[in-house]
Amino acid sequence: MSLINPLTATQTAPSQTQQTNTISPQTAQAATQSTAASATNTEQTSTGNPFLDSLRLPEENPIPEPNSQELTQEDFFSLLSQQLSMQDPFKPVENDQMIQQMASFSTVDGISKLNEEIINLNALTSSSQALQASGLVGQKVLIPSDTAHISADDPSMKGIISTPTPIESITVRIEDDKGQLVTTYSVDGSAGGNIDVNWDGLDKNGEPVAEGSYTFKASGKVDGTSEELPVSTYAHVTSVSLGTAATGAILNLRGVGGIKIGDVLAVSET
């Protein structure tokens, strides 16, 4: 029989508890070094300038972008390989079915590439059209509008009156942007067809009118009945905009705005 001294056991238990709760100097030193290293890394990462710190690339791995839902050629052949490897050996895929699948994918892929080429061709056509239209800058173009702009650089207006039949006398009225009558005069329309019409920019009293937009109004007797006649006017081209594949090049006209190059009826040097 062995005897245990109760006093010895009582003294040993607190000693073990004290040893367990005590941190060794080596452990404390290692923890201090780790904390200092973390602080050093933080100081090296930060420049002290918030703007420069915002330009720094993130240290952690970025979140991967979601995969594209588009089926590429590699994906197609990967699926085809999986299909062939997992097919029933007693009921293999027929050759014509495999050829049909490959042909279908080739057709879809070809159409996609064709669409990209058409888009590129449209962009190239628009750029080429705008480059050609730039030669119209500084010239006058005939547009399907009866309104033109009077300015100090161009104090007169020109236009074309379209007549269905020869008319002996055509009455021309000039109105301002408020619809007020500025002046009126007559032109000879016996030649028929397109009749040139000019206005010197003077009102009925012979005074120059103010800068702004003015409208041609023309009327004449057709088969004994007075009718309004269509008028087209000339406008000064100030610049050309590229536009889109649908609209094409846009001509910017002084005092009028933009117009498609396809709507131009004629081009005049002056």
Protein backbone atom coordinates (compact mmCIF):
# COMPACT_ATOMS: atom_id res chain seq x y z
CA MET A 1 0.00 0.00 0.00
CA SER A 2 1.31 3.42 -0.93
CA LEU A 3 0.55 6.50 1.07
CA ILE A 4 0.04 9.96 -0.46
CA ASN A 5 0.86 12.99 1.55
CA PRO A 6 -2.22 15.27 1.27
CA LEU A 7 -0.08 18.31 1.94
CA THR A 8 2.18 17.50 -0.99
CA ALA A 9 -0.79 17.08 -3.35
CA THR A 10 -2.29 20.36 -2.24
CA GLN A 11 0.95 22.21 -2.87
CA THR A 12 1.48 20.60 -6.27
CA ALA A 13 -1.92 21.63 -7.75
CA PRO A 14 -1.48 25.40 -7.37
CA SER A 15 2.03 25.09 -8.77
CA GLN A 16 0.74 23.41 -11.91
CA THR A 17 -2.04 26.03 -12.26
CA GLN A 18 0.45 28.85 -11.95
CA GLN A 19 2.73 27.26 -14.53
CA THR A 20 -0.14 26.88 -16.98
CA ASN A 21 -1.26 30.53 -16.74
CA THR A 22 2.24 31.93 -17.06
CA ILE A 23 3.45 33.02 -20.56
CA SER A 24 7.08 32.27 -21.26
CA PRO A 25 9.42 35.14 -22.23
CA GLN A 26 10.10 33.50 -25.61
CA THR A 27 6.38 33.47 -26.48
CA ALA A 28 5.90 37.09 -25.47
CA GLN A 29 8.91 38.15 -27.53
CA ALA A 30 7.61 36.30 -30.62
CA ALA A 31 4.19 37.92 -30.29
CA THR A 32 5.81 41.36 -29.97
CA GLN A 33 7.91 40.76 -33.10
CA SER A 34 4.82 39.62 -35.05
CA THR A 35 2.89 42.76 -34.02
CA ALA A 36 5.81 44.98 -34.98
CA ALA A 37 6.12 43.24 -38.37
CA SER A 38 2.40 43.77 -39.06
CA ALA A 39 2.70 47.44 -38.21
CA THR A 40 5.78 47.75 -40.43
CA ASN A 41 3.97 46.13 -43.37
CA THR A 42 1.02 48.48 -42.88
CA GLU A 43 3.33 51.49 -42.88
CA GLN A 44 5.09 50.24 -46.04
CA THR A 45 1.75 49.68 -47.79
CA SER A 46 0.43 53.16 -46.96
CA THR A 47 2.08 56.19 -48.58
CA GLY A 48 0.42 58.67 -46.28
CA ASN A 49 -1.44 60.17 -49.25
CA PRO A 50 -5.07 58.98 -49.48
CA PHE A 51 -5.20 59.66 -53.23
CA LEU A 52 -2.06 57.61 -53.95
CA ASP A 53 -3.27 54.84 -51.63
CA SER A 54 -6.52 54.66 -53.62
CA LEU A 55 -4.53 54.05 -56.82
CA ARG A 56 -2.68 51.09 -55.29
CA LEU A 57 -3.72 47.69 -56.58
CA PRO A 58 -5.55 45.54 -54.03
CA GLU A 59 -3.38 42.94 -52.28
CA GLU A 60 -6.08 40.32 -52.02
CA ASN A 61 -7.12 38.29 -55.02
CA PRO A 62 -9.88 40.04 -56.99
CA ILE A 63 -13.28 38.42 -57.27
CA PRO A 64 -13.36 36.46 -60.52
CA GLU A 65 -15.73 37.79 -63.14
CA PRO A 66 -18.69 35.61 -64.01
CA ASN A 67 -18.20 33.39 -67.00
CA SER A 68 -19.67 34.52 -70.29
CA GLN A 69 -22.88 32.82 -71.33
CA GLU A 70 -21.78 32.80 -74.97
CA LEU A 71 -21.05 29.37 -76.44
CA THR A 72 -17.70 29.44 -78.20
CA GLN A 73 -16.23 26.97 -80.64
CA GLU A 74 -14.10 25.39 -77.91
CA ASP A 75 -17.19 24.90 -75.73
CA PHE A 76 -19.04 23.30 -78.64
CA PHE A 77 -16.30 20.76 -79.34
CA SER A 78 -15.96 20.07 -75.61
CA LEU A 79 -19.67 19.28 -75.40
CA LEU A 80 -19.43 17.19 -78.56
CA SER A 81 -16.55 15.21 -77.08
CA GLN A 82 -18.53 14.61 -73.88
CA GLN A 83 -21.50 13.48 -75.93
CA LEU A 84 -19.37 10.99 -77.88
CA SER A 85 -17.66 9.65 -74.77
CA MET A 86 -20.95 9.07 -72.93
CA GLN A 87 -23.00 7.70 -75.78
CA ASP A 88 -24.46 4.22 -75.76
CA PRO A 89 -21.94 1.97 -77.53
CA PHE A 90 -24.82 -0.12 -78.85
CA LYS A 91 -26.58 2.97 -80.23
CA PRO A 92 -23.84 5.33 -81.38
CA VAL A 93 -24.59 8.71 -82.89
CA GLU A 94 -25.10 8.54 -86.62
CA ASN A 95 -22.57 10.30 -88.82
CA ASP A 96 -25.21 12.47 -90.44
CA GLN A 97 -26.41 13.72 -87.03
CA MET A 98 -22.87 14.65 -86.01
CA ILE A 99 -22.26 16.42 -89.32
CA GLN A 100 -25.56 18.26 -88.93
CA GLN A 101 -24.58 19.52 -85.46
CA MET A 102 -21.21 20.72 -86.68
CA ALA A 103 -22.76 22.37 -89.70
CA SER A 104 -25.35 24.15 -87.53
CA PHE A 105 -22.68 25.57 -85.24
CA SER A 106 -20.56 26.63 -88.20
CA THR A 107 -23.56 28.44 -89.70
CA VAL A 108 -24.32 30.30 -86.46
CA ASP A 109 -20.66 31.21 -86.00
CA GLY A 110 -20.45 32.42 -89.58
CA ILE A 111 -23.54 34.61 -89.18
CA SER A 112 -22.10 36.15 -86.01
CA LYS A 113 -18.85 37.01 -87.76
CA LEU A 114 -20.79 38.36 -90.74
CA ASN A 115 -22.73 40.70 -88.44
CA GLU A 116 -19.47 42.02 -87.00
CA GLU A 117 -18.11 42.64 -90.48
CA ILE A 118 -21.30 44.48 -91.49
CA ILE A 119 -21.04 46.73 -88.42
CA ASN A 120 -17.43 47.52 -89.27
CA LEU A 121 -18.39 48.17 -92.90
CA ASN A 122 -21.18 50.55 -91.82
CA ALA A 123 -18.78 52.49 -89.61
CA LEU A 124 -16.27 52.70 -92.46
CA THR A 125 -18.99 53.83 -94.88
CA SER A 126 -20.16 56.54 -92.47
CA SER A 127 -16.61 57.84 -92.06
CA SER A 128 -16.04 57.83 -95.83
CA GLN A 129 -19.35 59.59 -96.43
CA ALA A 130 -18.53 62.28 -93.86
CA LEU A 131 -15.11 62.78 -95.47
CA GLN A 132 -16.71 63.27 -98.89
CA ALA A 133 -19.38 65.57 -97.45
CA SER A 134 -16.70 67.78 -95.90
CA GLY A 135 -16.12 69.14 -99.41
CA LEU A 136 -19.54 70.82 -99.15
CA VAL A 137 -18.45 73.08 -96.28
CA GLY A 138 -18.64 76.71 -97.43
CA GLN A 139 -21.04 75.93 -100.27
CA LYS A 140 -24.82 76.23 -100.53
CA VAL A 141 -27.17 73.29 -100.87
CA LEU A 142 -30.79 73.19 -101.98
CA ILE A 143 -33.01 71.69 -99.30
CA PRO A 144 -36.75 70.85 -99.26
CA SER A 145 -37.63 73.77 -96.99
CA ASP A 146 -39.16 77.18 -97.73
CA THR A 147 -37.26 78.84 -94.85
CA ALA A 148 -33.79 80.36 -95.12
CA HIS A 149 -31.54 82.49 -92.94
CA ILE A 150 -30.55 86.13 -93.47
CA SER A 151 -27.29 87.34 -91.89
CA ALA A 152 -24.72 90.09 -92.31
CA ASP A 153 -22.46 87.71 -94.23
CA ASP A 154 -25.31 86.55 -96.47
CA PRO A 155 -28.03 89.24 -96.70
CA SER A 156 -30.02 87.64 -99.53
CA MET A 157 -32.07 84.49 -100.15
CA LYS A 158 -32.33 82.15 -103.11
CA GLY A 159 -34.73 79.35 -103.87
CA ILE A 160 -36.55 77.24 -106.43
CA ILE A 161 -40.30 77.30 -107.13
CA SER A 162 -41.64 74.07 -108.59
CA THR A 163 -44.54 74.52 -111.01
CA PRO A 164 -46.63 71.70 -112.50
CA THR A 165 -47.35 73.71 -115.64
CA PRO A 166 -46.15 77.02 -117.11
CA ILE A 167 -47.60 79.99 -115.16
CA GLU A 168 -47.50 83.50 -116.54
CA SER A 169 -47.07 85.26 -113.21
CA ILE A 170 -46.11 83.84 -109.80
CA THR A 171 -46.69 85.92 -106.69
CA VAL A 172 -43.89 85.64 -104.13
CA ARG A 173 -44.43 86.65 -100.50
CA ILE A 174 -41.68 86.97 -97.89
CA GLU A 175 -42.67 86.40 -94.27
CA ASP A 176 -40.62 86.66 -91.07
CA ASP A 177 -40.44 84.06 -88.29
CA LYS A 178 -43.68 85.48 -86.79
CA GLY A 179 -45.62 85.08 -90.04
CA GLN A 180 -45.71 88.84 -90.70
CA LEU A 181 -45.58 89.91 -94.35
CA VAL A 182 -42.26 91.62 -95.14
CA THR A 183 -42.59 92.22 -98.88
CA THR A 184 -44.18 90.82 -102.01
CA TYR A 185 -43.26 90.73 -105.71
CA SER A 186 -43.92 88.73 -108.89
CA VAL A 187 -41.73 86.47 -111.03
CA ASP A 188 -42.21 85.03 -114.48
CA GLY A 189 -43.21 81.36 -114.51
CA SER A 190 -43.96 80.92 -118.18
CA ALA A 191 -41.01 78.53 -118.59
CA GLY A 192 -42.61 76.04 -116.19
CA GLY A 193 -40.78 73.44 -114.14
CA ASN A 194 -38.25 74.79 -111.65
CA ILE A 195 -38.26 78.60 -111.47
CA ASP A 196 -35.39 80.45 -109.78
CA VAL A 197 -36.42 83.00 -107.18
CA ASN A 198 -34.22 85.56 -105.43
CA TRP A 199 -34.76 88.08 -102.63
CA ASP A 200 -32.30 90.89 -101.88
CA GLY A 201 -33.16 91.09 -98.19
CA LEU A 202 -35.02 94.43 -98.41
CA ASP A 203 -38.49 95.06 -97.06
CA LYS A 204 -41.31 96.85 -98.93
CA ASN A 205 -39.79 100.21 -97.96
CA GLY A 206 -36.37 99.28 -99.36
CA GLU A 207 -34.78 98.90 -95.91
CA PRO A 208 -32.53 95.92 -95.03
CA VAL A 209 -34.29 93.47 -92.76
CA ALA A 210 -32.92 92.26 -89.45
CA GLU A 211 -30.90 89.07 -89.21
CA GLY A 212 -33.07 85.98 -88.78
CA SER A 213 -35.12 83.33 -90.55
CA TYR A 214 -37.50 84.21 -93.37
CA THR A 215 -39.91 82.17 -95.45
CA PHE A 216 -40.70 82.07 -99.17
CA LYS A 217 -44.39 81.77 -100.08
CA ALA A 218 -45.38 81.38 -103.75
CA SER A 219 -48.76 81.12 -105.43
CA GLY A 220 -50.07 81.13 -109.00
CA LYS A 221 -53.02 80.18 -111.11
CA VAL A 222 -53.11 76.56 -112.29
CA ASP A 223 -56.00 75.77 -114.66
CA GLY A 224 -57.66 79.00 -113.59
CA THR A 225 -57.40 78.25 -109.85
CA SER A 226 -54.95 79.96 -107.48
CA GLU A 227 -52.72 77.39 -105.79
CA GLU A 228 -49.81 77.46 -103.35
CA LEU A 229 -46.60 76.27 -105.01
CA PRO A 230 -43.82 74.29 -103.29
CA VAL A 231 -40.60 76.21 -102.66
CA SER A 232 -37.09 74.93 -101.88
CA THR A 233 -34.36 77.22 -100.56
CA TYR A 234 -30.58 77.30 -100.52
CA ALA A 235 -28.72 77.12 -97.20
CA HIS A 236 -25.06 77.67 -96.30
CA VAL A 237 -23.15 74.58 -95.08
CA THR A 238 -21.05 75.45 -92.02
CA SER A 239 -19.86 71.97 -90.95
CA VAL A 240 -20.42 68.23 -91.30
CA SER A 241 -21.24 65.75 -88.52
CA LEU A 242 -20.32 62.07 -88.74
CA GLY A 243 -23.80 60.80 -87.86
CA THR A 244 -24.61 57.09 -87.60
CA ALA A 245 -24.93 54.17 -89.99
CA ALA A 246 -28.70 54.81 -90.15
CA THR A 247 -28.59 58.58 -90.73
CA GLY A 248 -25.30 58.94 -92.58
CA ALA A 249 -23.43 62.24 -92.64
CA ILE A 250 -25.29 65.29 -91.31
CA LEU A 251 -24.85 68.72 -92.90
CA ASN A 252 -25.05 71.58 -90.41
CA LEU A 253 -26.68 74.59 -92.08
CA ARG A 254 -26.43 78.20 -90.94
CA GLY A 255 -29.61 79.25 -89.15
CA VAL A 256 -31.45 76.10 -90.21
CA GLY A 257 -29.90 73.20 -88.32
CA GLY A 258 -28.85 69.74 -89.44
CA ILE A 259 -30.06 67.83 -92.46
CA LYS A 260 -29.21 64.40 -93.86
CA ILE A 261 -26.95 64.48 -96.86
CA GLY A 262 -29.46 62.25 -98.66
CA ASP A 263 -32.11 65.01 -98.40
CA VAL A 264 -30.00 67.52 -100.36
CA LEU A 265 -31.59 68.34 -103.70
CA ALA A 266 -28.75 70.27 -105.35
CA VAL A 267 -25.41 71.94 -104.63
CA SER A 268 -24.49 75.52 -105.52
CA GLU A 269 -21.13 77.29 -105.24
CA THR A 270 -22.67 80.60 -104.21
